Amino acid sequence: MSEVVHFKKNSMDFSPFGGAENEGKAWLARAVDGGLSKTMGAGILHLNGCDISWTLRYDEVCVVLSGNFLLHVGIDLLSAGPGDIIWIPKNTTVSYSGEGAEVFYALYPVDWSTRPTDA
């Protein structure tokens, strides 16, 4: 796609995220996906009193828009507030949590889920 796309926040589709144990505590709106870009993905994540563990199969940048975003990496805890930016390299095991956190994320590659796990 070669057109500019404007995503209005009030029109974004937020879906539950993070499994049944995080029901009502985490929501995700994917904006840029494989239908728009062959290289990167992006969206907004809301976190409030949840704990979502994951090993990234992509590089990710997170920008905290509001609230308090907590990122657990091993025994380390990063506490990030509005305007803070976090870089997370591929193959990092993390746990996302937050209190009223709204986080913009961008990731590469967008097609990570279709690639072999060692790619």
PDB file of N, CA and C in Angstrom:
ATOM      1  N   MET A   1       0.847  -1.178   0.000  1.00  0.00           N
ATOM      2  CA  MET A   1       0.000   0.000   0.000  1.00  0.00           C
ATOM      3  C   MET A   1       0.887   1.233   0.000  1.00  0.00           C
ATOM      4  N   SER A   2       0.537   2.219  -0.781  1.00  0.00           N
ATOM      5  CA  SER A   2       1.368   3.409  -0.866  1.00  0.00           C
ATOM      6  C   SER A   2       0.622   4.674  -0.431  1.00  0.00           C
ATOM      7  N   GLU A   3      -0.522   4.521   0.203  1.00  0.00           N
ATOM      8  CA  GLU A   3      -1.286   5.676   0.660  1.00  0.00           C
ATOM      9  C   GLU A   3      -1.037   5.940   2.137  1.00  0.00           C
ATOM     10  N   VAL A   4      -1.158   7.202   2.509  1.00  0.00           N
ATOM     11  CA  VAL A   4      -1.105   7.574   3.914  1.00  0.00           C
ATOM     12  C   VAL A   4      -2.440   7.181   4.551  1.00  0.00           C
ATOM     13  N   VAL A   5      -2.392   6.623   5.747  1.00  0.00           N
ATOM     14  CA  VAL A   5      -3.607   6.217   6.452  1.00  0.00           C
ATOM     15  C   VAL A   5      -3.648   6.946   7.791  1.00  0.00           C
ATOM     16  N   HIS A   6      -4.790   7.522   8.109  1.00  0.00           N
ATOM     17  CA  HIS A   6      -5.001   8.234   9.375  1.00  0.00           C
ATOM     18  C   HIS A   6      -5.880   7.356  10.264  1.00  0.00           C
ATOM     19  N   PHE A   7      -5.352   6.932  11.392  1.00  0.00           N
ATOM     20  CA  PHE A   7      -6.107   6.123  12.347  1.00  0.00           C
ATOM     21  C   PHE A   7      -6.624   7.038  13.448  1.00  0.00           C
ATOM     22  N   LYS A   8      -7.920   7.205  13.537  1.00  0.00           N
ATOM     23  CA  LYS A   8      -8.510   8.015  14.605  1.00  0.00           C
ATOM     24  C   LYS A   8      -8.761   7.116  15.805  1.00  0.00           C
ATOM     25  N   LYS A   9      -8.274   7.556  16.951  1.00  0.00           N
ATOM     26  CA  LYS A   9      -8.345   6.731  18.153  1.00  0.00           C
ATOM     27  C   LYS A   9      -9.777   6.317  18.466  1.00  0.00           C
ATOM     28  N   ASN A  10     -10.727   7.232  18.317  1.00  0.00           N
ATOM     29  CA  ASN A  10     -12.106   6.899  18.677  1.00  0.00           C
ATOM     30  C   ASN A  10     -12.754   5.928  17.687  1.00  0.00           C
ATOM     31  N   SER A  11     -12.071   5.613  16.594  1.00  0.00           N
ATOM     32  CA  SER A  11     -12.586   4.653  15.619  1.00  0.00           C
ATOM     33  C   SER A  11     -11.824   3.325  15.657  1.00  0.00           C
ATOM     34  N   MET A  12     -10.811   3.242  16.507  1.00  0.00           N
ATOM     35  CA  MET A  12     -10.013   2.016  16.573  1.00  0.00           C
ATOM     36  C   MET A  12     -10.791   0.922  17.295  1.00  0.00           C
ATOM     37  N   ASP A  13     -10.603  -0.311  16.853  1.00  0.00           N
ATOM     38  CA  ASP A  13     -11.289  -1.467  17.412  1.00  0.00           C
ATOM     39  C   ASP A  13     -10.395  -2.130  18.460  1.00  0.00           C
ATOM     40  N   PHE A  14     -10.707  -1.913  19.744  1.00  0.00           N
ATOM     41  CA  PHE A  14      -9.940  -2.519  20.830  1.00  0.00           C
ATOM     42  C   PHE A  14     -10.562  -3.862  21.193  1.00  0.00           C
ATOM     43  N   SER A  15      -9.733  -4.897  21.216  1.00  0.00           N
ATOM     44  CA  SER A  15     -10.175  -6.253  21.537  1.00  0.00           C
ATOM     45  C   SER A  15      -9.477  -6.721  22.801  1.00  0.00           C
ATOM     46  N   PRO A  16     -10.131  -7.614  23.563  1.00  0.00           N
ATOM     47  CA  PRO A  16      -9.464  -8.173  24.749  1.00  0.00           C
ATOM     48  C   PRO A  16      -8.133  -8.809  24.352  1.00  0.00           C
ATOM     49  N   PHE A  17      -7.165  -8.739  25.254  1.00  0.00           N
ATOM     50  CA  PHE A  17      -5.812  -9.210  24.972  1.00  0.00           C
ATOM     51  C   PHE A  17      -5.248  -9.886  26.214  1.00  0.00           C
ATOM     52  N   GLY A  18      -4.440 -10.903  26.010  1.00  0.00           N
ATOM     53  CA  GLY A  18      -3.699 -11.501  27.114  1.00  0.00           C
ATOM     54  C   GLY A  18      -4.350 -12.700  27.762  1.00  0.00           C
ATOM     55  N   GLY A  19      -5.388 -13.259  27.159  1.00  0.00           N
ATOM     56  CA  GLY A  19      -5.996 -14.477  27.681  1.00  0.00           C
ATOM     57  C   GLY A  19      -7.047 -14.224  28.740  1.00  0.00           C
ATOM     58  N   ALA A  20      -7.737 -15.307  29.118  1.00  0.00           N
ATOM     59  CA  ALA A  20      -8.866 -15.232  30.042  1.00  0.00           C
ATOM     60  C   ALA A  20      -8.476 -14.646  31.395  1.00  0.00           C
ATOM     61  N   GLU A  21      -7.260 -14.925  31.848  1.00  0.00           N
ATOM     62  CA  GLU A  21      -6.836 -14.419  33.166  1.00  0.00           C
ATOM     63  C   GLU A  21      -6.700 -12.894  33.194  1.00  0.00           C
ATOM     64  N   ASN A  22      -6.662 -12.270  32.018  1.00  0.00           N
ATOM     65  CA  ASN A  22      -6.548 -10.809  31.941  1.00  0.00           C
ATOM     66  C   ASN A  22      -7.823 -10.159  31.398  1.00  0.00           C
ATOM     67  N   GLU A  23      -8.904 -10.913  31.391  1.00  0.00           N
ATOM     68  CA  GLU A  23     -10.193 -10.413  30.902  1.00  0.00           C
ATOM     69  C   GLU A  23     -10.565  -9.109  31.617  1.00  0.00           C
ATOM     70  N   GLY A  24     -10.879  -8.098  30.845  1.00  0.00           N
ATOM     71  CA  GLY A  24     -11.264  -6.806  31.401  1.00  0.00           C
ATOM     72  C   GLY A  24     -10.103  -5.967  31.896  1.00  0.00           C
ATOM     73  N   LYS A  25      -8.862  -6.436  31.671  1.00  0.00           N
ATOM     74  CA  LYS A  25      -7.687  -5.724  32.164  1.00  0.00           C
ATOM     75  C   LYS A  25      -6.723  -5.308  31.057  1.00  0.00           C
ATOM     76  N   ALA A  26      -6.886  -5.876  29.848  1.00  0.00           N
ATOM     77  CA  ALA A  26      -5.969  -5.569  28.745  1.00  0.00           C
ATOM     78  C   ALA A  26      -6.738  -5.565  27.430  1.00  0.00           C
ATOM     79  N   TRP A  27      -6.477  -4.545  26.607  1.00  0.00           N
ATOM     80  CA  TRP A  27      -7.120  -4.399  25.308  1.00  0.00           C
ATOM     81  C   TRP A  27      -6.078  -3.972  24.290  1.00  0.00           C
ATOM     82  N   LEU A  28      -6.249  -4.447  23.065  1.00  0.00           N
ATOM     83  CA  LEU A  28      -5.284  -4.179  22.002  1.00  0.00           C
ATOM     84  C   LEU A  28      -6.025  -3.725  20.753  1.00  0.00           C
ATOM     85  N   ALA A  29      -5.502  -2.675  20.118  1.00  0.00           N
ATOM     86  CA  ALA A  29      -5.999  -2.233  18.814  1.00  0.00           C
ATOM     87  C   ALA A  29      -4.832  -2.291  17.848  1.00  0.00           C
ATOM     88  N   ARG A  30      -4.903  -3.219  16.911  1.00  0.00           N
ATOM     89  CA  ARG A  30      -3.872  -3.307  15.869  1.00  0.00           C
ATOM     90  C   ARG A  30      -4.228  -2.291  14.793  1.00  0.00           C
ATOM     91  N   ALA A  31      -3.302  -1.435  14.456  1.00  0.00           N
ATOM     92  CA  ALA A  31      -3.537  -0.423  13.421  1.00  0.00           C
ATOM     93  C   ALA A  31      -2.814  -0.829  12.138  1.00  0.00           C
ATOM     94  N   VAL A  32      -1.509  -0.879  12.205  1.00  0.00           N
ATOM     95  CA  VAL A  32      -0.711  -1.270  11.040  1.00  0.00           C
ATOM     96  C   VAL A  32      -0.461  -2.765  11.137  1.00  0.00           C
ATOM     97  N   ASP A  33      -0.888  -3.484  10.108  1.00  0.00           N
ATOM     98  CA  ASP A  33      -0.685  -4.929  10.083  1.00  0.00           C
ATOM     99  C   ASP A  33      -0.190  -5.343   8.702  1.00  0.00           C
ATOM    100  N   GLY A  34      -0.143  -6.628   8.463  1.00  0.00           N
ATOM    101  CA  GLY A  34       0.354  -7.127   7.189  1.00  0.00           C
ATOM    102  C   GLY A  34      -0.466  -6.697   5.985  1.00  0.00           C
ATOM    103  N   GLY A  35      -1.699  -6.253   6.207  1.00  0.00           N
ATOM    104  CA  GLY A  35      -2.512  -5.749   5.118  1.00  0.00           C
ATOM    105  C   GLY A  35      -2.080  -4.375   4.646  1.00  0.00           C
ATOM    106  N   LEU A  36      -1.399  -3.636   5.502  1.00  0.00           N
ATOM    107  CA  LEU A  36      -0.921  -2.293   5.152  1.00  0.00           C
ATOM    108  C   LEU A  36       0.564  -2.252   4.862  1.00  0.00           C
ATOM    109  N   SER A  37       1.330  -3.051   5.578  1.00  0.00           N
ATOM    110  CA  SER A  37       2.784  -2.977   5.469  1.00  0.00           C
ATOM    111  C   SER A  37       3.364  -4.379   5.347  1.00  0.00           C
ATOM    112  N   LYS A  38       4.368  -4.509   4.545  1.00  0.00           N
ATOM    113  CA  LYS A  38       5.060  -5.789   4.429  1.00  0.00           C
ATOM    114  C   LYS A  38       6.211  -5.882   5.425  1.00  0.00           C
ATOM    115  N   THR A  39       6.464  -4.806   6.185  1.00  0.00           N
ATOM    116  CA  THR A  39       7.622  -4.795   7.068  1.00  0.00           C
ATOM    117  C   THR A  39       7.305  -4.594   8.547  1.00  0.00           C
ATOM    118  N   MET A  40       6.397  -3.687   8.896  1.00  0.00           N
ATOM    119  CA  MET A  40       6.212  -3.371  10.312  1.00  0.00           C
ATOM    120  C   MET A  40       4.757  -3.418  10.728  1.00  0.00           C
ATOM    121  N   GLY A  41       4.546  -3.542  12.040  1.00  0.00           N
ATOM    122  CA  GLY A  41       3.223  -3.501  12.633  1.00  0.00           C
ATOM    123  C   GLY A  41       3.198  -2.446  13.715  1.00  0.00           C
ATOM    124  N   ALA A  42       1.984  -1.991  14.079  1.00  0.00           N
ATOM    125  CA  ALA A  42       1.862  -0.980  15.121  1.00  0.00           C
ATOM    126  C   ALA A  42       0.435  -0.950  15.647  1.00  0.00           C
ATOM    127  N   GLY A  43       0.286  -0.446  16.858  1.00  0.00           N
ATOM    128  CA  GLY A  43      -1.034  -0.324  17.455  1.00  0.00           C
ATOM    129  C   GLY A  43      -0.956   0.291  18.831  1.00  0.00           C
ATOM    130  N   ILE A  44      -2.059   0.166  19.556  1.00  0.00           N
ATOM    131  CA  ILE A  44      -2.148   0.710  20.916  1.00  0.00           C
ATOM    132  C   ILE A  44      -2.607  -0.401  21.848  1.00  0.00           C
ATOM    133  N   LEU A  45      -1.979  -0.454  23.015  1.00  0.00           N
ATOM    134  CA  LEU A  45      -2.285  -1.444  24.035  1.00  0.00           C
ATOM    135  C   LEU A  45      -2.692  -0.725  25.314  1.00  0.00           C
ATOM    136  N   HIS A  46      -3.801  -1.161  25.915  1.00  0.00           N
ATOM    137  CA  HIS A  46      -4.244  -0.658  27.221  1.00  0.00           C
ATOM    138  C   HIS A  46      -4.003  -1.751  28.251  1.00  0.00           C
ATOM    139  N   LEU A  47      -3.404  -1.391  29.376  1.00  0.00           N
ATOM    140  CA  LEU A  47      -3.119  -2.342  30.444  1.00  0.00           C
ATOM    141  C   LEU A  47      -3.567  -1.751  31.773  1.00  0.00           C
ATOM    142  N   ASN A  48      -4.333  -2.532  32.541  1.00  0.00           N
ATOM    143  CA  ASN A  48      -4.777  -2.038  33.840  1.00  0.00           C
ATOM    144  C   ASN A  48      -4.932  -3.213  34.811  1.00  0.00           C
ATOM    145  N   GLY A  49      -3.899  -3.425  35.616  1.00  0.00           N
ATOM    146  CA  GLY A  49      -3.942  -4.473  36.626  1.00  0.00           C
ATOM    147  C   GLY A  49      -3.789  -5.875  36.067  1.00  0.00           C
ATOM    148  N   CYS A  50      -3.049  -6.028  34.990  1.00  0.00           N
ATOM    149  CA  CYS A  50      -2.871  -7.335  34.370  1.00  0.00           C
ATOM    150  C   CYS A  50      -1.398  -7.733  34.404  1.00  0.00           C
ATOM    151  N   ASP A  51      -1.143  -8.951  33.961  1.00  0.00           N
ATOM    152  CA  ASP A  51       0.227  -9.445  33.849  1.00  0.00           C
ATOM    153  C   ASP A  51       0.268 -10.368  32.638  1.00  0.00           C
ATOM    154  N   ILE A  52       0.951  -9.933  31.577  1.00  0.00           N
ATOM    155  CA  ILE A  52       0.993 -10.690  30.330  1.00  0.00           C
ATOM    156  C   ILE A  52       2.449 -11.053  30.029  1.00  0.00           C
ATOM    157  N   SER A  53       2.752 -12.336  30.103  1.00  0.00           N
ATOM    158  CA  SER A  53       4.116 -12.816  29.852  1.00  0.00           C
ATOM    159  C   SER A  53       4.235 -13.294  28.418  1.00  0.00           C
ATOM    160  N   TRP A  54       5.421 -13.071  27.821  1.00  0.00           N
ATOM    161  CA  TRP A  54       5.593 -13.324  26.404  1.00  0.00           C
ATOM    162  C   TRP A  54       7.077 -13.294  26.063  1.00  0.00           C
ATOM    163  N   THR A  55       7.501 -14.114  25.127  1.00  0.00           N
ATOM    164  CA  THR A  55       8.835 -13.994  24.548  1.00  0.00           C
ATOM    165  C   THR A  55       8.663 -13.419  23.155  1.00  0.00           C
ATOM    166  N   LEU A  56       9.217 -12.241  22.934  1.00  0.00           N
ATOM    167  CA  LEU A  56       9.042 -11.541  21.662  1.00  0.00           C
ATOM    168  C   LEU A  56       9.734 -12.269  20.532  1.00  0.00           C
ATOM    169  N   ARG A  57       9.023 -12.410  19.431  1.00  0.00           N
ATOM    170  CA  ARG A  57       9.598 -12.988  18.216  1.00  0.00           C
ATOM    171  C   ARG A  57       9.834 -11.894  17.190  1.00  0.00           C
ATOM    172  N   TYR A  58       9.992 -10.680  17.657  1.00  0.00           N
ATOM    173  CA  TYR A  58      10.169  -9.482  16.823  1.00  0.00           C
ATOM    174  C   TYR A  58      10.849  -8.414  17.664  1.00  0.00           C
ATOM    175  N   ASP A  59      11.398  -7.399  17.010  1.00  0.00           N
ATOM    176  CA  ASP A  59      11.890  -6.208  17.702  1.00  0.00           C
ATOM    177  C   ASP A  59      10.690  -5.310  17.964  1.00  0.00           C
ATOM    178  N   GLU A  60      10.678  -4.648  19.111  1.00  0.00           N
ATOM    179  CA  GLU A  60       9.535  -3.810  19.470  1.00  0.00           C
ATOM    180  C   GLU A  60       9.990  -2.510  20.130  1.00  0.00           C
ATOM    181  N   VAL A  61       9.285  -1.445  19.801  1.00  0.00           N
ATOM    182  CA  VAL A  61       9.452  -0.156  20.470  1.00  0.00           C
ATOM    183  C   VAL A  61       8.113   0.188  21.102  1.00  0.00           C
ATOM    184  N   CYS A  62       8.141   0.585  22.368  1.00  0.00           N
ATOM    185  CA  CYS A  62       6.929   1.000  23.075  1.00  0.00           C
ATOM    186  C   CYS A  62       7.082   2.457  23.495  1.00  0.00           C
ATOM    187  N   VAL A  63       6.027   3.238  23.290  1.00  0.00           N
ATOM    188  CA  VAL A  63       5.982   4.623  23.740  1.00  0.00           C
ATOM    189  C   VAL A  63       4.787   4.745  24.683  1.00  0.00           C
ATOM    190  N   VAL A  64       5.033   5.108  25.920  1.00  0.00           N
ATOM    191  CA  VAL A  64       3.952   5.241  26.895  1.00  0.00           C
ATOM    192  C   VAL A  64       3.214   6.551  26.628  1.00  0.00           C
ATOM    193  N   LEU A  65       1.907   6.428  26.404  1.00  0.00           N
ATOM    194  CA  LEU A  65       1.079   7.608  26.134  1.00  0.00           C
ATOM    195  C   LEU A  65       0.462   8.149  27.413  1.00  0.00           C
ATOM    196  N   SER A  66       0.072   7.247  28.325  1.00  0.00           N
ATOM    197  CA  SER A  66      -0.501   7.679  29.607  1.00  0.00           C
ATOM    198  C   SER A  66      -0.392   6.542  30.612  1.00  0.00           C
ATOM    199  N   GLY A  67      -0.561   6.870  31.870  1.00  0.00           N
ATOM    200  CA  GLY A  67      -0.517   5.879  32.938  1.00  0.00           C
ATOM    201  C   GLY A  67       0.884   5.417  33.254  1.00  0.00           C
ATOM    202  N   ASN A  68       0.959   4.265  33.919  1.00  0.00           N
ATOM    203  CA  ASN A  68       2.231   3.684  34.339  1.00  0.00           C
ATOM    204  C   ASN A  68       2.369   2.298  33.718  1.00  0.00           C
ATOM    205  N   PHE A  69       3.357   2.142  32.844  1.00  0.00           N
ATOM    206  CA  PHE A  69       3.635   0.883  32.161  1.00  0.00           C
ATOM    207  C   PHE A  69       4.791   0.205  32.871  1.00  0.00           C
ATOM    208  N   LEU A  70       4.593  -1.066  33.225  1.00  0.00           N
ATOM    209  CA  LEU A  70       5.629  -1.837  33.897  1.00  0.00           C
ATOM    210  C   LEU A  70       6.081  -2.963  32.985  1.00  0.00           C
ATOM    211  N   LEU A  71       7.388  -3.081  32.811  1.00  0.00           N
ATOM    212  CA  LEU A  71       7.956  -4.124  31.988  1.00  0.00           C
ATOM    213  C   LEU A  71       8.942  -4.918  32.842  1.00  0.00           C
ATOM    214  N   HIS A  72       8.635  -6.197  33.035  1.00  0.00           N
ATOM    215  CA  HIS A  72       9.514  -7.097  33.777  1.00  0.00           C
ATOM    216  C   HIS A  72      10.370  -7.848  32.764  1.00  0.00           C
ATOM    217  N   VAL A  73      11.683  -7.784  32.948  1.00  0.00           N
ATOM    218  CA  VAL A  73      12.631  -8.524  32.111  1.00  0.00           C
ATOM    219  C   VAL A  73      13.552  -9.248  33.083  1.00  0.00           C
ATOM    220  N   GLY A  74      13.343 -10.557  33.221  1.00  0.00           N
ATOM    221  CA  GLY A  74      14.103 -11.298  34.225  1.00  0.00           C
ATOM    222  C   GLY A  74      13.794 -10.754  35.604  1.00  0.00           C
ATOM    223  N   ILE A  75      14.830 -10.381  36.368  1.00  0.00           N
ATOM    224  CA  ILE A  75      14.612  -9.815  37.698  1.00  0.00           C
ATOM    225  C   ILE A  75      14.503  -8.292  37.664  1.00  0.00           C
ATOM    226  N   ASP A  76      14.677  -7.705  36.487  1.00  0.00           N
ATOM    227  CA  ASP A  76      14.604  -6.249  36.347  1.00  0.00           C
ATOM    228  C   ASP A  76      13.177  -5.787  36.098  1.00  0.00           C
ATOM    229  N   LEU A  77      12.849  -4.635  36.653  1.00  0.00           N
ATOM    230  CA  LEU A  77      11.548  -4.011  36.450  1.00  0.00           C
ATOM    231  C   LEU A  77      11.760  -2.598  35.945  1.00  0.00           C
ATOM    232  N   LEU A  78      11.191  -2.317  34.773  1.00  0.00           N
ATOM    233  CA  LEU A  78      11.217  -0.959  34.232  1.00  0.00           C
ATOM    234  C   LEU A  78       9.853  -0.343  34.471  1.00  0.00           C
ATOM    235  N   SER A  79       9.827   0.822  35.062  1.00  0.00           N
ATOM    236  CA  SER A  79       8.590   1.563  35.281  1.00  0.00           C
ATOM    237  C   SER A  79       8.644   2.783  34.383  1.00  0.00           C
ATOM    238  N   ALA A  80       7.702   2.871  33.442  1.00  0.00           N
ATOM    239  CA  ALA A  80       7.747   3.934  32.439  1.00  0.00           C
ATOM    240  C   ALA A  80       6.462   4.748  32.470  1.00  0.00           C
ATOM    241  N   GLY A  81       6.610   6.058  32.312  1.00  0.00           N
ATOM    242  CA  GLY A  81       5.477   6.971  32.304  1.00  0.00           C
ATOM    243  C   GLY A  81       5.335   7.668  30.972  1.00  0.00           C
ATOM    244  N   PRO A  82       4.362   8.560  30.873  1.00  0.00           N
ATOM    245  CA  PRO A  82       4.081   9.254  29.616  1.00  0.00           C
ATOM    246  C   PRO A  82       5.325   9.885  28.989  1.00  0.00           C
ATOM    247  N   GLY A  83       5.520   9.579  27.705  1.00  0.00           N
ATOM    248  CA  GLY A  83       6.656  10.109  26.959  1.00  0.00           C
ATOM    249  C   GLY A  83       7.867   9.208  26.968  1.00  0.00           C
ATOM    250  N   ASP A  84       7.898   8.218  27.867  1.00  0.00           N
ATOM    251  CA  ASP A  84       9.033   7.295  27.916  1.00  0.00           C
ATOM    252  C   ASP A  84       8.971   6.322  26.740  1.00  0.00           C
ATOM    253  N   ILE A  85      10.145   5.949  26.250  1.00  0.00           N
ATOM    254  CA  ILE A  85      10.276   5.022  25.124  1.00  0.00           C
ATOM    255  C   ILE A  85      11.109   3.829  25.576  1.00  0.00           C
ATOM    256  N   ILE A  86      10.649   2.632  25.228  1.00  0.00           N
ATOM    257  CA  ILE A  86      11.367   1.412  25.577  1.00  0.00           C
ATOM    258  C   ILE A  86      11.627   0.609  24.305  1.00  0.00           C
ATOM    259  N   TRP A  87      12.860   0.194  24.112  1.00  0.00           N
ATOM    260  CA  TRP A  87      13.269  -0.679  23.009  1.00  0.00           C
ATOM    261  C   TRP A  87      13.403  -2.088  23.570  1.00  0.00           C
ATOM    262  N   ILE A  88      12.769  -3.068  22.904  1.00  0.00           N
ATOM    263  CA  ILE A  88      12.848  -4.460  23.336  1.00  0.00           C
ATOM    264  C   ILE A  88      13.305  -5.300  22.143  1.00  0.00           C
ATOM    265  N   PRO A  89      14.494  -5.891  22.219  1.00  0.00           N
ATOM    266  CA  PRO A  89      14.976  -6.696  21.092  1.00  0.00           C
ATOM    267  C   PRO A  89      14.290  -8.061  21.008  1.00  0.00           C
ATOM    268  N   LYS A  90      14.273  -8.590  19.805  1.00  0.00           N
ATOM    269  CA  LYS A  90      13.731  -9.918  19.526  1.00  0.00           C
ATOM    270  C   LYS A  90      14.317 -10.946  20.490  1.00  0.00           C
ATOM    271  N   ASN A  91      13.504 -11.926  20.854  1.00  0.00           N
ATOM    272  CA  ASN A  91      13.859 -13.042  21.733  1.00  0.00           C
ATOM    273  C   ASN A  91      13.974 -12.671  23.209  1.00  0.00           C
ATOM    274  N   THR A  92      13.499 -11.483  23.586  1.00  0.00           N
ATOM    275  CA  THR A  92      13.484 -11.090  24.994  1.00  0.00           C
ATOM    276  C   THR A  92      12.205 -11.614  25.637  1.00  0.00           C
ATOM    277  N   THR A  93      12.343 -12.271  26.792  1.00  0.00           N
ATOM    278  CA  THR A  93      11.178 -12.721  27.555  1.00  0.00           C
ATOM    279  C   THR A  93      10.783 -11.587  28.497  1.00  0.00           C
ATOM    280  N   VAL A  94       9.516 -11.181  28.406  1.00  0.00           N
ATOM    281  CA  VAL A  94       9.025 -10.037  29.160  1.00  0.00           C
ATOM    282  C   VAL A  94       7.701 -10.373  29.831  1.00  0.00           C
ATOM    283  N   SER A  95       7.315  -9.487  30.729  1.00  0.00           N
ATOM    284  CA  SER A  95       5.965  -9.493  31.288  1.00  0.00           C
ATOM    285  C   SER A  95       5.498  -8.041  31.263  1.00  0.00           C
ATOM    286  N   TYR A  96       4.389  -7.805  30.558  1.00  0.00           N
ATOM    287  CA  TYR A  96       3.802  -6.466  30.495  1.00  0.00           C
ATOM    288  C   TYR A  96       2.764  -6.339  31.605  1.00  0.00           C
ATOM    289  N   SER A  97       2.757  -5.214  32.284  1.00  0.00           N
ATOM    290  CA  SER A  97       1.680  -4.896  33.211  1.00  0.00           C
ATOM    291  C   SER A  97       1.555  -3.384  33.251  1.00  0.00           C
ATOM    292  N   GLY A  98       0.554  -2.901  33.938  1.00  0.00           N
ATOM    293  CA  GLY A  98       0.384  -1.461  34.000  1.00  0.00           C
ATOM    294  C   GLY A  98      -0.807  -1.075  34.828  1.00  0.00           C
ATOM    295  N   GLU A  99      -0.823   0.178  35.178  1.00  0.00           N
ATOM    296  CA  GLU A  99      -1.944   0.773  35.900  1.00  0.00           C
ATOM    297  C   GLU A  99      -2.423   1.948  35.068  1.00  0.00           C
ATOM    298  N   GLY A 100      -3.556   1.777  34.416  1.00  0.00           N
ATOM    299  CA  GLY A 100      -4.087   2.822  33.548  1.00  0.00           C
ATOM    300  C   GLY A 100      -3.141   3.160  32.411  1.00  0.00           C
ATOM    301  N   ALA A 101      -2.376   2.176  31.952  1.00  0.00           N
ATOM    302  CA  ALA A 101      -1.361   2.434  30.931  1.00  0.00           C
ATOM    303  C   ALA A 101      -1.957   2.354  29.524  1.00  0.00           C
ATOM    304  N   GLU A 102      -1.587   3.313  28.717  1.00  0.00           N
ATOM    305  CA  GLU A 102      -1.880   3.292  27.291  1.00  0.00           C
ATOM    306  C   GLU A 102      -0.526   3.390  26.601  1.00  0.00           C
ATOM    307  N   VAL A 103      -0.233   2.396  25.756  1.00  0.00           N
ATOM    308  CA  VAL A 103       1.088   2.270  25.161  1.00  0.00           C
ATOM    309  C   VAL A 103       0.956   2.112  23.649  1.00  0.00           C
ATOM    310  N   PHE A 104       1.673   2.942  22.903  1.00  0.00           N
ATOM    311  CA  PHE A 104       1.799   2.758  21.458  1.00  0.00           C
ATOM    312  C   PHE A 104       2.961   1.805  21.244  1.00  0.00           C
ATOM    313  N   TYR A 105       2.781   0.834  20.353  1.00  0.00           N
ATOM    314  CA  TYR A 105       3.875  -0.083  20.040  1.00  0.00           C
ATOM    315  C   TYR A 105       4.080  -0.152  18.531  1.00  0.00           C
ATOM    316  N   ALA A 106       5.315  -0.383  18.153  1.00  0.00           N
ATOM    317  CA  ALA A 106       5.666  -0.668  16.765  1.00  0.00           C
ATOM    318  C   ALA A 106       6.582  -1.879  16.787  1.00  0.00           C
ATOM    319  N   LEU A 107       6.380  -2.778  15.819  1.00  0.00           N
ATOM    320  CA  LEU A 107       7.185  -3.995  15.798  1.00  0.00           C
ATOM    321  C   LEU A 107       7.645  -4.326  14.386  1.00  0.00           C
ATOM    322  N   TYR A 108       8.741  -5.097  14.346  1.00  0.00           N
ATOM    323  CA  TYR A 108       9.306  -5.563  13.078  1.00  0.00           C
ATOM    324  C   TYR A 108       9.865  -6.962  13.290  1.00  0.00           C
ATOM    325  N   PRO A 109       9.539  -7.895  12.438  1.00  0.00           N
ATOM    326  CA  PRO A 109       8.741  -7.810  11.221  1.00  0.00           C
ATOM    327  C   PRO A 109       7.256  -8.049  11.504  1.00  0.00           C
ATOM    328  N   VAL A 110       6.416  -7.496  10.668  1.00  0.00           N
ATOM    329  CA  VAL A 110       4.972  -7.628  10.842  1.00  0.00           C
ATOM    330  C   VAL A 110       4.514  -9.075  10.702  1.00  0.00           C
ATOM    331  N   ASP A 111       5.210  -9.870   9.929  1.00  0.00           N
ATOM    332  CA  ASP A 111       4.813 -11.259   9.681  1.00  0.00           C
ATOM    333  C   ASP A 111       5.491 -12.253  10.618  1.00  0.00           C
ATOM    334  N   TRP A 112       5.856 -11.809  11.819  1.00  0.00           N
ATOM    335  CA  TRP A 112       6.588 -12.654  12.769  1.00  0.00           C
ATOM    336  C   TRP A 112       5.878 -13.966  13.059  1.00  0.00           C
ATOM    337  N   SER A 113       4.541 -13.962  13.102  1.00  0.00           N
ATOM    338  CA  SER A 113       3.815 -15.166  13.500  1.00  0.00           C
ATOM    339  C   SER A 113       3.846 -16.265  12.433  1.00  0.00           C
ATOM    340  N   THR A 114       4.201 -15.913  11.202  1.00  0.00           N
ATOM    341  CA  THR A 114       4.260 -16.909  10.125  1.00  0.00           C
ATOM    342  C   THR A 114       5.689 -17.372   9.850  1.00  0.00           C
ATOM    343  N   ARG A 115       6.642 -16.787  10.547  1.00  0.00           N
ATOM    344  CA  ARG A 115       8.046 -17.156  10.347  1.00  0.00           C
ATOM    345  C   ARG A 115       8.434 -18.281  11.301  1.00  0.00           C
ATOM    346  N   PRO A 116       9.415 -19.084  10.908  1.00  0.00           N
ATOM    347  CA  PRO A 116       9.922 -20.105  11.838  1.00  0.00           C
ATOM    348  C   PRO A 116      10.423 -19.419  13.112  1.00  0.00           C
ATOM    349  N   THR A 117      10.319 -20.083  14.238  1.00  0.00           N
ATOM    350  CA  THR A 117      10.691 -19.461  15.502  1.00  0.00           C
ATOM    351  C   THR A 117      12.163 -19.089  15.595  1.00  0.00           C
ATOM    352  N   ASP A 118      13.019 -19.695  14.797  1.00  0.00           N
ATOM    353  CA  ASP A 118      14.443 -19.345  14.837  1.00  0.00           C
ATOM    354  C   ASP A 118      14.842 -18.354  13.766  1.00  0.00           C
ATOM    355  N   ALA A 119      13.875 -17.830  12.999  1.00  0.00           N
ATOM    356  CA  ALA A 119      14.192 -16.888  11.911  1.00  0.00           C
ATOM    357  C   ALA A 119      14.434 -15.489  12.437  1.00  0.00           C
TER     358      ALA A 119
END
